[in-house]
Amino acid sequence: MLTLTKTAATLLSESRTQQGIPDDATLRVAPTQQGEEQGISLGFVEAPHSGDHTATAHGMPICVDAQVAESLAGVKIDVDTAGDSPQLVLVQDDAQPEA
């Protein structure tokens, strides 16, 4: 299951507050497509959608659309602070136990 680092959870929580989104809103990860490019989107929802995979990381409720859940297993959302402003990035979670 996709997860978050503590730094990413803090950044997302601050963003949620700045946008006036309720503290109990869930971070939802879903597939997107622009032309032939596929990607994922992040956004806050009141509740997971039917079929979403759910978890909590560092106090942040997360739901992942079933279409992308398997491909994001073993991945975590982290923060890249190298630029002018922090950016969310996806990285392989080396702490995942081996099967």
Protein backbone atom coordinates (compact mmCIF):
# COMPACT_ATOMS: atom_id res chain seq x y z
CA MET A 1 0.00 0.00 0.00
CA LEU A 2 1.17 3.49 -0.80
CA THR A 3 2.26 5.42 2.29
CA LEU A 4 3.62 8.83 3.30
CA THR A 5 6.73 9.99 5.06
CA LYS A 6 6.22 12.10 8.16
CA THR A 7 7.50 15.14 6.25
CA ALA A 8 4.97 14.59 3.45
CA ALA A 9 2.14 14.09 5.94
CA THR A 10 3.07 17.37 7.65
CA LEU A 11 3.24 19.26 4.34
CA LEU A 12 -0.11 17.84 3.19
CA SER A 13 -1.72 18.59 6.55
CA GLU A 14 -0.52 22.20 6.37
CA SER A 15 -1.82 22.48 2.80
CA ARG A 16 -5.18 21.05 3.84
CA THR A 17 -5.45 23.64 6.63
CA GLN A 18 -4.40 26.54 4.36
CA GLN A 19 -7.09 25.55 1.85
CA GLY A 20 -9.76 25.43 4.55
CA ILE A 21 -10.32 21.71 4.07
CA PRO A 22 -11.62 19.92 7.20
CA ASP A 23 -9.01 18.11 9.30
CA ASP A 24 -10.82 14.80 8.85
CA ALA A 25 -10.61 14.91 5.04
CA THR A 26 -8.91 11.92 3.42
CA LEU A 27 -6.03 12.20 0.95
CA ARG A 28 -7.11 10.37 -2.21
CA VAL A 29 -4.71 9.09 -4.85
CA ALA A 30 -6.34 8.37 -8.20
CA PRO A 31 -5.28 7.75 -11.80
CA THR A 32 -5.28 10.57 -14.35
CA GLN A 33 -4.77 10.64 -18.07
CA GLN A 34 -3.92 13.54 -20.37
CA GLY A 35 -3.74 12.34 -23.94
CA GLU A 36 -1.50 9.30 -23.85
CA GLU A 37 0.23 10.32 -20.61
CA GLN A 38 -0.92 8.50 -17.49
CA GLY A 39 -0.26 9.73 -14.00
CA ILE A 40 -1.79 10.08 -10.57
CA SER A 41 -3.58 12.92 -8.85
CA LEU A 42 -3.72 13.80 -5.18
CA GLY A 43 -6.67 15.52 -3.60
CA PHE A 44 -8.75 15.59 -0.45
CA VAL A 45 -12.15 13.94 -0.23
CA GLU A 46 -14.77 13.63 2.51
CA ALA A 47 -14.63 9.82 2.39
CA PRO A 48 -12.98 7.06 0.35
CA HIS A 49 -14.73 6.00 -2.84
CA SER A 50 -16.13 2.50 -3.17
CA GLY A 51 -13.30 0.03 -3.83
CA ASP A 52 -10.52 2.33 -2.60
CA HIS A 53 -7.71 0.85 -0.54
CA THR A 54 -7.43 2.71 2.77
CA ALA A 55 -4.75 3.31 5.39
CA THR A 56 -3.46 5.95 7.78
CA ALA A 57 0.09 7.30 7.81
CA HIS A 58 1.33 9.72 10.47
CA GLY A 59 -2.25 10.62 11.31
CA MET A 60 -3.20 11.32 7.67
CA PRO A 61 -6.02 9.13 6.32
CA ILE A 62 -5.22 7.91 2.80
CA CYS A 63 -7.27 6.15 0.15
CA VAL A 64 -5.91 4.83 -3.13
CA ASP A 65 -8.06 4.07 -6.15
CA ALA A 66 -8.06 0.32 -6.85
CA GLN A 67 -6.85 0.97 -10.44
CA VAL A 68 -3.46 2.22 -9.18
CA ALA A 69 -3.17 0.58 -5.75
CA GLU A 70 -1.16 -2.42 -6.93
CA SER A 71 1.29 -0.36 -9.00
CA LEU A 72 1.89 1.95 -6.01
CA ALA A 73 2.50 -0.85 -3.51
CA GLY A 74 5.91 -0.36 -1.91
CA VAL A 75 5.97 3.34 -2.84
CA LYS A 76 5.84 6.31 -0.49
CA ILE A 77 5.12 9.98 -0.98
CA ASP A 78 8.04 12.09 0.25
CA VAL A 79 9.12 15.72 -0.05
CA ASP A 80 11.93 17.06 -2.25
CA THR A 81 13.23 20.30 -0.74
CA ALA A 82 15.97 20.94 -3.32
CA GLY A 83 14.07 23.60 -5.27
CA ASP A 84 12.56 26.94 -4.35
CA SER A 85 9.53 25.29 -2.78
CA PRO A 86 8.96 21.78 -1.46
CA GLN A 87 7.61 19.28 -4.00
CA LEU A 88 5.91 15.96 -3.35
CA VAL A 89 7.69 13.02 -4.98
CA LEU A 90 7.13 9.27 -5.21
CA VAL A 91 10.00 7.07 -4.01
CA GLN A 92 10.47 3.36 -3.48
CA ASP A 93 9.86 2.48 0.17
CA ASP A 94 12.98 0.52 1.17
CA ALA A 95 11.40 -0.29 4.54
CA GLN A 96 8.77 -2.57 2.96
CA PRO A 97 9.14 -6.15 4.16
CA GLU A 98 10.07 -8.70 1.53
CA ALA A 99 7.45 -11.31 0.63
